[in-house]
Amino acid sequence: PIIRYSDVNEEINNRKATQEDISRGITRFSCGLAKKAFLANGCATIVSQLVENNTDLAHASSMTILLSAVCYMLEIYLDFSAYSDMAIGMGLMIGFHYRENFNYPYVSDSVTDFWRRWHISLSSFFRDYVYIPLGGNRVSVPGHILNLFAVWFFIIQTDKL
C-alpha cells in the first residue's frame, strides 16, 4: 500500500507494538505469504499451462480461454492483495496501523465500485495528487475526459516500474 505521512505521523514517534498487534501482524503476514505462494502462484501455473499448451489461441476452445482469463484475473488480484497483506502485517509487527488496500473488488456491482475497492491507496494517491489538481470533474467535459486519461496514463506507467 502507498502510505501517506499524515496517516503515520503520530505513530512514527509514538508507536507501540503490542503483543496483540504482533500476533495479528504475524497472522496477516502469514496469510499474505500463503496467498501469494499457493493461490496466486497456483493460478499463474494454470494460466501458463493453458497458454503454453494452446500457442494458437485462435483455435483454443472457449472454455480454455475463459478459464485462462479467470485464473489470470485471480492471479493479479491475489498477487496485489497478498503483498498488501504482508506489508500491513509487517507494519503491525512494528507498531504501524496501515489502512486496508483491497475491499473485495470482485464483488462490485459497477466499474466505479470496482475501482473504489481495488488498490485503494494507489487510487487515492492519483485522485489527490493528479486528478484533483488538474481540476477533476469541475472543468469542461473535454477537460474532465483529459483528466481521467491523465490519471489512467500514470496508473498504467506505475505498472512498468
Protein backbone atom coordinates (compact mmCIF):
# COMPACT_ATOMS: atom_id res chain seq x y z
CA PRO A 1 0.00 0.00 0.00
CA ILE A 2 1.00 3.60 -0.51
CA ILE A 3 1.35 5.10 2.95
CA ARG A 4 0.89 8.83 3.48
CA TYR A 5 2.89 10.68 6.05
CA SER A 6 -0.29 12.13 7.56
CA ASP A 7 -1.56 8.59 8.22
CA VAL A 8 1.52 7.51 10.19
CA ASN A 9 2.78 10.84 11.51
CA GLU A 10 1.70 10.16 15.09
CA GLU A 11 2.91 6.56 15.06
CA ILE A 12 6.40 7.40 13.78
CA ASN A 13 7.42 8.89 17.11
CA ASN A 14 4.91 7.24 19.44
CA ARG A 15 4.32 3.75 18.13
CA LYS A 16 3.99 0.75 20.34
CA ALA A 17 3.98 -2.80 19.09
CA THR A 18 1.61 -4.53 21.47
CA GLN A 19 1.57 -8.28 21.81
CA GLU A 20 -1.87 -8.31 20.13
CA ASP A 21 -0.55 -6.24 17.19
CA ILE A 22 2.47 -8.52 16.81
CA SER A 23 0.22 -11.58 16.83
CA ARG A 24 -2.20 -10.02 14.33
CA GLY A 25 0.77 -8.93 12.20
CA ILE A 26 2.30 -12.40 12.10
CA THR A 27 -1.09 -13.87 11.17
CA ARG A 28 -1.71 -11.25 8.47
CA PHE A 29 1.79 -11.64 7.04
CA SER A 30 1.50 -15.43 7.04
CA CYS A 31 -1.89 -15.33 5.30
CA GLY A 32 -0.47 -12.98 2.68
CA LEU A 33 2.55 -15.21 2.13
CA ALA A 34 0.32 -18.27 1.76
CA LYS A 35 -1.99 -16.37 -0.58
CA LYS A 36 0.99 -15.49 -2.78
CA ALA A 37 2.81 -18.82 -2.61
CA PHE A 38 -0.16 -21.13 -3.06
CA LEU A 39 -3.10 -19.29 -4.58
CA ALA A 40 -1.51 -16.61 -6.80
CA ASN A 41 1.32 -18.85 -7.96
CA GLY A 42 -1.15 -21.72 -8.46
CA CYS A 43 -3.29 -19.52 -10.72
CA ALA A 44 -0.14 -18.41 -12.58
CA THR A 45 0.80 -22.04 -13.18
CA ILE A 46 -2.65 -22.82 -14.57
CA VAL A 47 -2.54 -19.80 -16.91
CA SER A 48 0.95 -20.71 -18.04
CA GLN A 49 -0.06 -24.32 -18.75
CA LEU A 50 -3.19 -23.30 -20.63
CA VAL A 51 -1.39 -20.71 -22.76
CA GLU A 52 1.69 -22.88 -23.42
CA ASN A 53 -0.48 -25.83 -24.45
CA ASN A 54 -2.53 -23.58 -26.75
CA THR A 55 0.01 -21.41 -28.51
CA ASP A 56 -2.56 -20.76 -31.24
CA LEU A 57 -5.26 -19.17 -29.12
CA ALA A 58 -7.34 -18.52 -32.23
CA HIS A 59 -8.12 -22.24 -32.26
CA ALA A 60 -8.37 -22.73 -28.48
CA SER A 61 -11.71 -23.77 -27.02
CA SER A 62 -13.96 -21.17 -25.41
CA MET A 63 -13.59 -22.97 -22.08
CA THR A 64 -9.78 -22.77 -22.27
CA ILE A 65 -9.89 -19.04 -22.96
CA LEU A 66 -12.47 -18.43 -20.22
CA LEU A 67 -10.53 -20.48 -17.66
CA SER A 68 -7.29 -18.69 -18.61
CA ALA A 69 -8.94 -15.29 -18.22
CA VAL A 70 -10.49 -16.14 -14.84
CA CYS A 71 -7.23 -17.60 -13.50
CA TYR A 72 -5.25 -14.59 -14.74
CA MET A 73 -7.77 -12.22 -13.15
CA LEU A 74 -7.44 -14.09 -9.86
CA GLU A 75 -3.65 -14.21 -10.12
CA ILE A 76 -3.39 -10.43 -10.45
CA TYR A 77 -5.76 -9.78 -7.54
CA LEU A 78 -4.15 -12.41 -5.31
CA ASP A 79 -0.64 -11.09 -6.05
CA PHE A 80 -1.51 -7.48 -5.23
CA SER A 81 -3.59 -8.30 -2.18
CA ALA A 82 -1.03 -10.81 -0.87
CA TYR A 83 1.74 -8.21 -0.97
CA SER A 84 -0.57 -5.70 0.71
CA ASP A 85 -1.40 -8.25 3.42
CA MET A 86 2.30 -8.86 4.01
CA ALA A 87 3.07 -5.12 4.22
CA ILE A 88 0.14 -4.49 6.59
CA GLY A 89 1.24 -7.47 8.70
CA MET A 90 4.84 -6.29 8.87
CA GLY A 91 3.64 -2.82 9.82
CA LEU A 92 1.53 -4.23 12.65
CA MET A 93 4.55 -6.16 13.96
CA ILE A 94 6.46 -2.90 14.45
CA GLY A 95 3.54 -0.76 15.62
CA PHE A 96 2.16 0.78 12.42
CA HIS A 97 -1.52 0.55 11.53
CA TYR A 98 -1.97 0.89 7.77
CA ARG A 99 -5.30 1.19 6.01
CA GLU A 100 -6.76 -1.66 4.01
CA ASN A 101 -5.76 -1.65 0.36
CA PHE A 102 -8.35 -4.00 -1.16
CA ASN A 103 -12.01 -4.38 -0.28
CA TYR A 104 -13.26 -7.43 -2.19
CA PRO A 105 -13.23 -5.74 -5.62
CA TYR A 106 -14.65 -8.74 -7.47
CA VAL A 107 -17.99 -8.46 -5.64
CA SER A 108 -18.50 -4.93 -7.00
CA ASP A 109 -21.75 -4.03 -8.69
CA SER A 110 -20.27 -1.46 -11.09
CA VAL A 111 -16.97 -0.39 -12.63
CA THR A 112 -16.91 2.65 -10.33
CA ASP A 113 -17.43 0.45 -7.28
CA PHE A 114 -14.67 -1.88 -8.51
CA TRP A 115 -12.15 0.98 -8.65
CA ARG A 116 -13.16 2.16 -5.18
CA ARG A 117 -12.38 -1.31 -3.85
CA TRP A 118 -9.25 -2.09 -5.94
CA HIS A 119 -5.81 -0.89 -4.78
CA ILE A 120 -7.37 1.81 -2.64
CA SER A 121 -4.13 3.58 -1.71
CA LEU A 122 -2.98 3.89 -5.34
CA SER A 123 -6.36 5.21 -6.48
CA SER A 124 -6.45 7.70 -3.59
CA PHE A 125 -2.92 8.87 -4.35
CA PHE A 126 -3.70 9.58 -8.01
CA ARG A 127 -7.04 11.17 -7.14
CA ASP A 128 -5.45 13.56 -4.63
CA TYR A 129 -2.19 14.34 -6.44
CA VAL A 130 -3.14 14.20 -10.14
CA TYR A 131 -6.89 14.25 -10.78
CA ILE A 132 -7.96 16.96 -8.30
CA PRO A 133 -5.02 19.31 -9.04
CA LEU A 134 -5.88 19.06 -12.76
CA GLY A 135 -9.40 20.23 -11.93
CA GLY A 136 -11.11 16.86 -11.51
CA ASN A 137 -14.66 16.98 -12.82
CA ARG A 138 -15.02 20.72 -12.17
CA VAL A 139 -13.81 21.55 -15.65
CA SER A 140 -15.33 21.31 -19.11
CA VAL A 141 -16.37 17.88 -20.37
CA PRO A 142 -13.29 17.59 -22.62
CA GLY A 143 -11.10 18.69 -19.70
CA HIS A 144 -12.73 16.11 -17.43
CA ILE A 145 -12.09 13.38 -20.00
CA LEU A 146 -8.49 14.57 -20.37
CA ASN A 147 -8.06 14.44 -16.57
CA LEU A 148 -9.37 10.88 -16.48
CA PHE A 149 -6.99 9.87 -19.27
CA ALA A 150 -4.07 11.55 -17.48
CA VAL A 151 -4.76 9.53 -14.32
CA TRP A 152 -5.21 6.36 -16.36
CA PHE A 153 -1.92 7.02 -18.19
CA PHE A 154 0.01 7.49 -14.94
CA ILE A 155 -1.53 4.40 -13.36
CA ILE A 156 -0.52 2.35 -16.40
CA GLN A 157 3.01 3.74 -16.08
CA THR A 158 3.26 2.56 -12.45
CA ASP A 159 2.79 -0.99 -13.71
CA LYS A 160 6.07 -0.63 -15.64
CA LEU A 161 8.10 0.36 -12.57
